[in-house]
Amino acid sequence: MRLRLMRLLCLTLFTLLLTGCLSPVRRPVVELNPQPYLVHFPGIGGEEWFHRSFVRALHTGGFDAEGDVMDWTKNRFPIHALQSRADNQATAKRFADDLAKRARAGQPIYVTSESGGAAIAVWVLENLPDDVSVEALVMLGPALSKEYDLSRALKHVRGRAYAFTSPYDKWVLSLGTSIFGTMDGVREPAAGCVGFVKPAGADEAQYAKLVQRRYEAKWLWDYGRHGGHLDVLSVRFASGYIAPLLIETARRHGAETL
């Protein structure tokens, strides 16, 4: 019994180490004018402490944005949240209306998302008015089907859309989605495990904006990532890798630094 408890404790400590307890990469804050607004959509488990830590870590890494975590799950049981497609799309439309108001007021919008939240982010972008775009989209382990047509969403991205995938995310984004389905209702390994594949008829020009970053072994030592489902939210990965991508996007699209 004691041996089992010790093994469990060691496993728990190891998991905590790799899912965000490593210290973030601290960089001087790059103050941007106008200040961006960042919205983060969590997975089907809803808003948890590690999502808030992820957003804070982006600031620690130098990305100066007003940030919010948008819990779209309405405290539903995770599988219920996963499979409530009609309600999820209606929720995404309401978020789109809010983002459109901010964008029209002159505030640059950045969107990050994780797992099921990536589908919400994509549906939000699909519902934006024709004259409204976000600066960048980040999808961490997206729980969408691999051939989901991203064309309509990418049309509303000025810069890049980044999809971070991992073949080691097998329990959630391979086995789990094969049993319970992806957010768009396809029973198969999700794009967050196998990567997106451009479907027939998709807009080639829009897909040129999609940058897929497959898990790299060196990220284990650099950022504490072992390729599992939640460690994509590691604060070291957020501050050391994601934040510079967002800063680069801001500079590329003409944001002034103060």
C-alpha atoms as a PDB file:
ATOM      1  CA  MET A   1       0.000   0.000   0.000  1.00  0.00           C
ATOM      2  CA  ARG A   2       2.797   2.407   0.926  1.00  0.00           C
ATOM      3  CA  LEU A   3       4.643   1.595  -2.277  1.00  0.00           C
ATOM      4  CA  ARG A   4       1.522   2.397  -4.318  1.00  0.00           C
ATOM      5  CA  LEU A   5       1.113   5.706  -2.503  1.00  0.00           C
ATOM      6  CA  MET A   6       4.757   6.605  -3.114  1.00  0.00           C
ATOM      7  CA  ARG A   7       4.416   5.784  -6.804  1.00  0.00           C
ATOM      8  CA  LEU A   8       1.246   7.886  -7.023  1.00  0.00           C
ATOM      9  CA  LEU A   9       2.947  10.789  -5.266  1.00  0.00           C
ATOM     10  CA  CYS A  10       5.958  10.617  -7.584  1.00  0.00           C
ATOM     11  CA  LEU A  11       3.721  10.467 -10.642  1.00  0.00           C
ATOM     12  CA  THR A  12       1.680  13.433  -9.387  1.00  0.00           C
ATOM     13  CA  LEU A  13       4.780  15.526  -8.715  1.00  0.00           C
ATOM     14  CA  PHE A  14       6.237  14.623 -12.120  1.00  0.00           C
ATOM     15  CA  THR A  15       2.989  15.575 -13.849  1.00  0.00           C
ATOM     16  CA  LEU A  16       2.781  18.895 -11.995  1.00  0.00           C
ATOM     17  CA  LEU A  17       6.367  19.642 -12.971  1.00  0.00           C
ATOM     18  CA  LEU A  18       5.625  19.102 -16.637  1.00  0.00           C
ATOM     19  CA  THR A  19       2.245  20.872 -16.723  1.00  0.00           C
ATOM     20  CA  GLY A  20       3.330  24.264 -15.508  1.00  0.00           C
ATOM     21  CA  CYS A  21       5.341  24.232 -12.295  1.00  0.00           C
ATOM     22  CA  LEU A  22       8.543  24.985 -14.185  1.00  0.00           C
ATOM     23  CA  SER A  23       9.289  28.664 -13.876  1.00  0.00           C
ATOM     24  CA  PRO A  24       8.076  30.820 -16.779  1.00  0.00           C
ATOM     25  CA  VAL A  25      10.454  32.585 -19.120  1.00  0.00           C
ATOM     26  CA  ARG A  26      10.529  36.211 -17.987  1.00  0.00           C
ATOM     27  CA  ARG A  27      11.034  38.883 -20.625  1.00  0.00           C
ATOM     28  CA  PRO A  28      10.574  42.651 -20.530  1.00  0.00           C
ATOM     29  CA  VAL A  29       6.980  43.534 -21.350  1.00  0.00           C
ATOM     30  CA  VAL A  30       6.571  44.902 -24.868  1.00  0.00           C
ATOM     31  CA  GLU A  31       3.946  47.601 -24.439  1.00  0.00           C
ATOM     32  CA  LEU A  32       1.857  47.761 -27.589  1.00  0.00           C
ATOM     33  CA  ASN A  33      -0.222  50.662 -28.874  1.00  0.00           C
ATOM     34  CA  PRO A  34      -3.112  50.123 -29.066  1.00  0.00           C
ATOM     35  CA  GLN A  35      -3.118  47.538 -26.302  1.00  0.00           C
ATOM     36  CA  PRO A  36      -4.394  44.209 -27.646  1.00  0.00           C
ATOM     37  CA  TYR A  37      -7.236  42.185 -26.217  1.00  0.00           C
ATOM     38  CA  LEU A  38      -6.579  38.463 -25.779  1.00  0.00           C
ATOM     39  CA  VAL A  39      -9.386  35.970 -25.290  1.00  0.00           C
ATOM     40  CA  HIS A  40      -8.655  32.371 -24.322  1.00  0.00           C
ATOM     41  CA  PHE A  41     -11.155  29.547 -24.767  1.00  0.00           C
ATOM     42  CA  PRO A  42     -10.529  26.551 -22.447  1.00  0.00           C
ATOM     43  CA  GLY A  43     -11.351  22.918 -23.165  1.00  0.00           C
ATOM     44  CA  ILE A  44     -14.452  20.918 -22.218  1.00  0.00           C
ATOM     45  CA  GLY A  45     -13.467  20.920 -18.543  1.00  0.00           C
ATOM     46  CA  GLY A  46     -14.095  24.667 -18.411  1.00  0.00           C
ATOM     47  CA  GLU A  47     -12.027  27.370 -16.779  1.00  0.00           C
ATOM     48  CA  GLU A  48      -9.388  25.983 -14.438  1.00  0.00           C
ATOM     49  CA  TRP A  49      -6.392  27.514 -12.657  1.00  0.00           C
ATOM     50  CA  PHE A  50      -3.993  26.345 -15.381  1.00  0.00           C
ATOM     51  CA  HIS A  51      -5.897  28.308 -18.024  1.00  0.00           C
ATOM     52  CA  ARG A  52      -5.580  31.481 -15.975  1.00  0.00           C
ATOM     53  CA  SER A  53      -1.900  30.681 -15.425  1.00  0.00           C
ATOM     54  CA  PHE A  54      -1.454  30.255 -19.172  1.00  0.00           C
ATOM     55  CA  VAL A  55      -2.869  33.730 -19.876  1.00  0.00           C
ATOM     56  CA  ARG A  56      -0.739  35.307 -17.135  1.00  0.00           C
ATOM     57  CA  ALA A  57       2.338  33.557 -18.531  1.00  0.00           C
ATOM     58  CA  LEU A  58       1.840  35.238 -21.899  1.00  0.00           C
ATOM     59  CA  HIS A  59       2.238  38.580 -20.122  1.00  0.00           C
ATOM     60  CA  THR A  60       5.264  37.269 -18.222  1.00  0.00           C
ATOM     61  CA  GLY A  61       6.755  36.378 -21.601  1.00  0.00           C
ATOM     62  CA  GLY A  62       6.393  39.993 -22.727  1.00  0.00           C
ATOM     63  CA  PHE A  63       3.002  40.080 -24.478  1.00  0.00           C
ATOM     64  CA  ASP A  64       1.135  43.042 -23.002  1.00  0.00           C
ATOM     65  CA  ALA A  65      -2.565  42.413 -23.544  1.00  0.00           C
ATOM     66  CA  GLU A  66      -5.796  42.727 -21.652  1.00  0.00           C
ATOM     67  CA  GLY A  67      -6.708  39.062 -21.215  1.00  0.00           C
ATOM     68  CA  ASP A  68      -9.810  37.036 -20.392  1.00  0.00           C
ATOM     69  CA  VAL A  69     -10.596  33.335 -20.103  1.00  0.00           C
ATOM     70  CA  MET A  70     -14.036  32.692 -21.616  1.00  0.00           C
ATOM     71  CA  ASP A  71     -15.686  29.615 -20.095  1.00  0.00           C
ATOM     72  CA  TRP A  72     -18.170  28.497 -22.728  1.00  0.00           C
ATOM     73  CA  THR A  73     -19.080  25.193 -21.005  1.00  0.00           C
ATOM     74  CA  LYS A  74     -21.792  26.593 -18.675  1.00  0.00           C
ATOM     75  CA  ASN A  75     -20.566  24.170 -15.973  1.00  0.00           C
ATOM     76  CA  ARG A  76     -21.840  21.184 -17.929  1.00  0.00           C
ATOM     77  CA  PHE A  77     -20.356  17.717 -17.516  1.00  0.00           C
ATOM     78  CA  PRO A  78     -17.386  17.579 -19.938  1.00  0.00           C
ATOM     79  CA  ILE A  79     -18.876  14.987 -22.307  1.00  0.00           C
ATOM     80  CA  HIS A  80     -22.140  16.954 -22.372  1.00  0.00           C
ATOM     81  CA  ALA A  81     -20.186  20.116 -23.202  1.00  0.00           C
ATOM     82  CA  LEU A  82     -18.343  18.210 -25.944  1.00  0.00           C
ATOM     83  CA  GLN A  83     -21.498  16.946 -27.624  1.00  0.00           C
ATOM     84  CA  SER A  84     -23.790  20.002 -27.316  1.00  0.00           C
ATOM     85  CA  ARG A  85     -22.921  21.218 -30.798  1.00  0.00           C
ATOM     86  CA  ALA A  86     -25.986  23.390 -31.509  1.00  0.00           C
ATOM     87  CA  ASP A  87     -25.713  25.169 -28.159  1.00  0.00           C
ATOM     88  CA  ASN A  88     -21.939  25.575 -28.522  1.00  0.00           C
ATOM     89  CA  GLN A  89     -22.331  27.219 -31.910  1.00  0.00           C
ATOM     90  CA  ALA A  90     -24.990  29.576 -30.539  1.00  0.00           C
ATOM     91  CA  THR A  91     -22.624  30.489 -27.695  1.00  0.00           C
ATOM     92  CA  ALA A  92     -19.845  31.129 -30.211  1.00  0.00           C
ATOM     93  CA  LYS A  93     -22.083  33.546 -32.092  1.00  0.00           C
ATOM     94  CA  ARG A  94     -22.633  35.593 -28.936  1.00  0.00           C
ATOM     95  CA  PHE A  95     -18.877  35.735 -28.309  1.00  0.00           C
ATOM     96  CA  ALA A  96     -18.416  36.865 -31.923  1.00  0.00           C
ATOM     97  CA  ASP A  97     -20.782  39.783 -31.370  1.00  0.00           C
ATOM     98  CA  ASP A  98     -18.746  40.898 -28.337  1.00  0.00           C
ATOM     99  CA  LEU A  99     -15.415  40.626 -30.157  1.00  0.00           C
ATOM    100  CA  ALA A 100     -16.779  42.559 -33.128  1.00  0.00           C
ATOM    101  CA  LYS A 101     -17.613  45.489 -30.822  1.00  0.00           C
ATOM    102  CA  ARG A 102     -14.067  45.546 -29.455  1.00  0.00           C
ATOM    103  CA  ALA A 103     -12.509  45.280 -32.904  1.00  0.00           C
ATOM    104  CA  ARG A 104     -14.651  48.100 -34.286  1.00  0.00           C
ATOM    105  CA  ALA A 105     -13.605  50.229 -31.322  1.00  0.00           C
ATOM    106  CA  GLY A 106     -10.016  49.864 -32.530  1.00  0.00           C
ATOM    107  CA  GLN A 107      -8.677  47.171 -30.209  1.00  0.00           C
ATOM    108  CA  PRO A 108      -6.608  44.402 -31.887  1.00  0.00           C
ATOM    109  CA  ILE A 109      -7.926  40.937 -31.003  1.00  0.00           C
ATOM    110  CA  TYR A 110      -5.832  37.815 -30.341  1.00  0.00           C
ATOM    111  CA  VAL A 111      -7.446  34.421 -29.753  1.00  0.00           C
ATOM    112  CA  THR A 112      -5.899  31.436 -27.972  1.00  0.00           C
ATOM    113  CA  SER A 113      -7.686  28.165 -27.336  1.00  0.00           C
ATOM    114  CA  GLU A 114      -7.165  24.654 -26.032  1.00  0.00           C
ATOM    115  CA  SER A 115      -8.740  21.331 -27.036  1.00  0.00           C
ATOM    116  CA  GLY A 116     -12.537  21.763 -27.294  1.00  0.00           C
ATOM    117  CA  GLY A 117     -12.078  25.495 -26.933  1.00  0.00           C
ATOM    118  CA  ALA A 118     -10.350  25.529 -30.332  1.00  0.00           C
ATOM    119  CA  ALA A 119     -13.673  24.584 -31.928  1.00  0.00           C
ATOM    120  CA  ILE A 120     -15.388  27.437 -30.094  1.00  0.00           C
ATOM    121  CA  ALA A 121     -12.659  29.800 -31.315  1.00  0.00           C
ATOM    122  CA  VAL A 122     -13.113  28.626 -34.914  1.00  0.00           C
ATOM    123  CA  TRP A 123     -16.891  29.031 -34.714  1.00  0.00           C
ATOM    124  CA  VAL A 124     -16.470  32.496 -33.193  1.00  0.00           C
ATOM    125  CA  LEU A 125     -14.321  33.533 -36.156  1.00  0.00           C
ATOM    126  CA  GLU A 126     -16.806  32.042 -38.611  1.00  0.00           C
ATOM    127  CA  ASN A 127     -19.503  34.276 -37.107  1.00  0.00           C
ATOM    128  CA  LEU A 128     -17.558  37.533 -37.277  1.00  0.00           C
ATOM    129  CA  PRO A 129     -18.894  40.189 -39.660  1.00  0.00           C
ATOM    130  CA  ASP A 130     -17.114  40.496 -43.001  1.00  0.00           C
ATOM    131  CA  ASP A 131     -15.279  43.660 -41.938  1.00  0.00           C
ATOM    132  CA  VAL A 132     -13.893  42.223 -38.667  1.00  0.00           C
ATOM    133  CA  SER A 133     -10.722  40.146 -38.253  1.00  0.00           C
ATOM    134  CA  VAL A 134      -8.493  38.979 -35.410  1.00  0.00           C
ATOM    135  CA  GLU A 135      -4.728  39.381 -35.525  1.00  0.00           C
ATOM    136  CA  ALA A 136      -3.833  35.781 -34.717  1.00  0.00           C
ATOM    137  CA  LEU A 137      -5.410  32.471 -33.710  1.00  0.00           C
ATOM    138  CA  VAL A 138      -3.652  29.859 -31.560  1.00  0.00           C
ATOM    139  CA  MET A 139      -5.145  26.353 -31.301  1.00  0.00           C
ATOM    140  CA  LEU A 140      -3.501  24.112 -28.688  1.00  0.00           C
ATOM    141  CA  GLY A 141      -4.418  20.464 -29.267  1.00  0.00           C
ATOM    142  CA  PRO A 142      -7.596  21.288 -31.227  1.00  0.00           C
ATOM    143  CA  ALA A 143     -10.452  18.796 -30.688  1.00  0.00           C
ATOM    144  CA  LEU A 144     -11.796  19.243 -34.221  1.00  0.00           C
ATOM    145  CA  SER A 145     -11.868  16.611 -36.939  1.00  0.00           C
ATOM    146  CA  LYS A 146      -8.755  16.619 -39.101  1.00  0.00           C
ATOM    147  CA  GLU A 147     -10.637  17.599 -42.284  1.00  0.00           C
ATOM    148  CA  TYR A 148     -12.784  20.305 -40.737  1.00  0.00           C
ATOM    149  CA  ASP A 149     -12.796  23.137 -43.287  1.00  0.00           C
ATOM    150  CA  LEU A 150     -11.123  26.115 -41.638  1.00  0.00           C
ATOM    151  CA  SER A 151     -11.576  28.397 -44.670  1.00  0.00           C
ATOM    152  CA  ARG A 152     -14.366  30.559 -43.218  1.00  0.00           C
ATOM    153  CA  ALA A 153     -12.541  31.024 -39.929  1.00  0.00           C
ATOM    154  CA  LEU A 154      -9.162  31.751 -41.542  1.00  0.00           C
ATOM    155  CA  LYS A 155     -10.801  34.451 -43.635  1.00  0.00           C
ATOM    156  CA  HIS A 156     -11.065  36.442 -40.386  1.00  0.00           C
ATOM    157  CA  VAL A 157      -7.376  36.037 -39.400  1.00  0.00           C
ATOM    158  CA  ARG A 158      -5.068  38.855 -40.499  1.00  0.00           C
ATOM    159  CA  GLY A 159      -1.844  37.135 -39.531  1.00  0.00           C
ATOM    160  CA  ARG A 160      -1.314  33.455 -38.779  1.00  0.00           C
ATOM    161  CA  ALA A 161      -3.359  30.641 -37.298  1.00  0.00           C
ATOM    162  CA  TYR A 162      -1.150  28.277 -35.309  1.00  0.00           C
ATOM    163  CA  ALA A 163      -2.213  24.680 -34.617  1.00  0.00           C
ATOM    164  CA  PHE A 164      -0.106  22.803 -32.053  1.00  0.00           C
ATOM    165  CA  THR A 165      -0.438  19.048 -32.397  1.00  0.00           C
ATOM    166  CA  SER A 166       1.042  16.001 -30.684  1.00  0.00           C
ATOM    167  CA  PRO A 167       0.947  12.314 -31.664  1.00  0.00           C
ATOM    168  CA  TYR A 168       1.411  11.527 -27.948  1.00  0.00           C
ATOM    169  CA  ASP A 169      -1.976  13.024 -27.037  1.00  0.00           C
ATOM    170  CA  LYS A 170      -3.504   9.563 -27.438  1.00  0.00           C
ATOM    171  CA  TRP A 171      -5.843   9.192 -24.449  1.00  0.00           C
ATOM    172  CA  VAL A 172      -7.883  12.333 -25.063  1.00  0.00           C
ATOM    173  CA  LEU A 173      -7.452  13.301 -28.714  1.00  0.00           C
ATOM    174  CA  SER A 174      -7.185   9.807 -30.191  1.00  0.00           C
ATOM    175  CA  LEU A 175      -9.012   7.274 -28.017  1.00  0.00           C
ATOM    176  CA  GLY A 176     -11.347   9.815 -26.410  1.00  0.00           C
ATOM    177  CA  THR A 177     -12.480  11.498 -29.611  1.00  0.00           C
ATOM    178  CA  SER A 178     -12.746   8.139 -31.397  1.00  0.00           C
ATOM    179  CA  ILE A 179     -15.282   7.061 -28.751  1.00  0.00           C
ATOM    180  CA  PHE A 180     -17.120  10.298 -27.904  1.00  0.00           C
ATOM    181  CA  GLY A 181     -16.477  12.316 -31.056  1.00  0.00           C
ATOM    182  CA  THR A 182     -14.709  15.559 -31.830  1.00  0.00           C
ATOM    183  CA  MET A 183     -16.391  18.895 -31.161  1.00  0.00           C
ATOM    184  CA  ASP A 184     -17.845  18.782 -34.676  1.00  0.00           C
ATOM    185  CA  GLY A 185     -19.179  15.270 -34.139  1.00  0.00           C
ATOM    186  CA  VAL A 186     -16.703  13.039 -35.970  1.00  0.00           C
ATOM    187  CA  ARG A 187     -15.527   9.865 -34.232  1.00  0.00           C
ATOM    188  CA  GLU A 188     -11.835   9.756 -35.122  1.00  0.00           C
ATOM    189  CA  PRO A 189      -8.448  10.921 -33.773  1.00  0.00           C
ATOM    190  CA  ALA A 190      -8.695  14.709 -33.622  1.00  0.00           C
ATOM    191  CA  ALA A 191      -6.590  17.267 -35.457  1.00  0.00           C
ATOM    192  CA  GLY A 192      -4.768  17.987 -32.200  1.00  0.00           C
ATOM    193  CA  CYS A 193      -3.302  14.492 -32.410  1.00  0.00           C
ATOM    194  CA  VAL A 194      -2.824  13.923 -36.161  1.00  0.00           C
ATOM    195  CA  GLY A 195      -2.835  17.447 -37.616  1.00  0.00           C
ATOM    196  CA  PHE A 196      -5.236  19.225 -39.946  1.00  0.00           C
ATOM    197  CA  VAL A 197      -5.644  18.019 -43.531  1.00  0.00           C
ATOM    198  CA  LYS A 198      -6.931  20.515 -46.097  1.00  0.00           C
ATOM    199  CA  PRO A 199     -10.233  19.098 -47.385  1.00  0.00           C
ATOM    200  CA  ALA A 200     -11.240  19.099 -51.028  1.00  0.00           C
ATOM    201  CA  GLY A 201     -12.736  22.442 -51.997  1.00  0.00           C
ATOM    202  CA  ALA A 202     -11.096  24.390 -49.161  1.00  0.00           C
ATOM    203  CA  ASP A 203      -9.746  27.868 -49.871  1.00  0.00           C
ATOM    204  CA  GLU A 204      -6.056  27.512 -50.739  1.00  0.00           C
ATOM    205  CA  ALA A 205      -5.291  31.167 -50.017  1.00  0.00           C
ATOM    206  CA  GLN A 206      -6.829  30.995 -46.553  1.00  0.00           C
ATOM    207  CA  TYR A 207      -5.050  27.743 -45.685  1.00  0.00           C
ATOM    208  CA  ALA A 208      -1.756  29.481 -46.438  1.00  0.00           C
ATOM    209  CA  LYS A 209      -2.289  31.246 -43.090  1.00  0.00           C
ATOM    210  CA  LEU A 210      -2.346  27.946 -41.181  1.00  0.00           C
ATOM    211  CA  VAL A 211       0.946  27.037 -39.485  1.00  0.00           C
ATOM    212  CA  GLN A 212       1.002  23.592 -37.885  1.00  0.00           C
ATOM    213  CA  ARG A 213       3.560  22.946 -35.172  1.00  0.00           C
ATOM    214  CA  ARG A 214       3.964  19.246 -34.387  1.00  0.00           C
ATOM    215  CA  TYR A 215       5.366  18.325 -30.981  1.00  0.00           C
ATOM    216  CA  GLU A 216       9.167  18.353 -30.811  1.00  0.00           C
ATOM    217  CA  ALA A 217      11.108  16.226 -28.330  1.00  0.00           C
ATOM    218  CA  LYS A 218      13.361  19.142 -27.366  1.00  0.00           C
ATOM    219  CA  TRP A 219      10.322  20.912 -25.895  1.00  0.00           C
ATOM    220  CA  LEU A 220      10.477  18.496 -22.931  1.00  0.00           C
ATOM    221  CA  TRP A 221      13.690  20.072 -21.660  1.00  0.00           C
ATOM    222  CA  ASP A 222      13.151  23.569 -22.987  1.00  0.00           C
ATOM    223  CA  TYR A 223       9.552  24.050 -21.839  1.00  0.00           C
ATOM    224  CA  GLY A 224       8.512  21.083 -19.703  1.00  0.00           C
ATOM    225  CA  ARG A 225       6.299  19.579 -22.416  1.00  0.00           C
ATOM    226  CA  HIS A 226       6.031  15.808 -22.783  1.00  0.00           C
ATOM    227  CA  GLY A 227       3.408  15.909 -25.526  1.00  0.00           C
ATOM    228  CA  GLY A 228       0.359  15.010 -23.437  1.00  0.00           C
ATOM    229  CA  HIS A 229      -2.982  16.761 -23.383  1.00  0.00           C
ATOM    230  CA  LEU A 230      -2.652  19.410 -20.667  1.00  0.00           C
ATOM    231  CA  ASP A 231       1.060  20.159 -20.725  1.00  0.00           C
ATOM    232  CA  VAL A 232       0.480  22.266 -23.843  1.00  0.00           C
ATOM    233  CA  LEU A 233      -0.644  24.858 -21.275  1.00  0.00           C
ATOM    234  CA  SER A 234       2.714  24.823 -19.491  1.00  0.00           C
ATOM    235  CA  VAL A 235       3.537  28.333 -18.272  1.00  0.00           C
ATOM    236  CA  ARG A 236       7.071  27.958 -19.581  1.00  0.00           C
ATOM    237  CA  PHE A 237       5.787  27.059 -23.038  1.00  0.00           C
ATOM    238  CA  ALA A 238       3.305  29.950 -22.951  1.00  0.00           C
ATOM    239  CA  SER A 239       5.906  32.515 -21.885  1.00  0.00           C
ATOM    240  CA  GLY A 240       8.852  31.151 -23.837  1.00  0.00           C
ATOM    241  CA  TYR A 241       7.230  30.074 -27.099  1.00  0.00           C
ATOM    242  CA  ILE A 242       3.668  31.385 -27.548  1.00  0.00           C
ATOM    243  CA  ALA A 243       4.247  34.944 -26.272  1.00  0.00           C
ATOM    244  CA  PRO A 244       7.031  35.686 -28.818  1.00  0.00           C
ATOM    245  CA  LEU A 245       4.757  34.462 -31.641  1.00  0.00           C
ATOM    246  CA  LEU A 246       2.071  36.937 -30.597  1.00  0.00           C
ATOM    247  CA  ILE A 247       4.557  39.796 -30.209  1.00  0.00           C
ATOM    248  CA  GLU A 248       5.977  39.052 -33.652  1.00  0.00           C
ATOM    249  CA  THR A 249       2.466  39.133 -35.117  1.00  0.00           C
ATOM    250  CA  ALA A 250       1.740  42.472 -33.450  1.00  0.00           C
ATOM    251  CA  ARG A 251       4.918  44.031 -34.837  1.00  0.00           C
ATOM    252  CA  ARG A 252       4.320  42.601 -38.302  1.00  0.00           C
ATOM    253  CA  HIS A 253       0.910  44.240 -38.439  1.00  0.00           C
ATOM    254  CA  GLY A 254       2.033  47.680 -37.439  1.00  0.00           C
ATOM    255  CA  ALA A 255       1.479  47.898 -33.686  1.00  0.00           C
ATOM    256  CA  GLU A 256       3.593  50.627 -32.138  1.00  0.00           C
ATOM    257  CA  THR A 257       5.805  49.831 -29.151  1.00  0.00           C
ATOM    258  CA  LEU A 258       5.870  52.302 -26.295  1.00  0.00           C
END
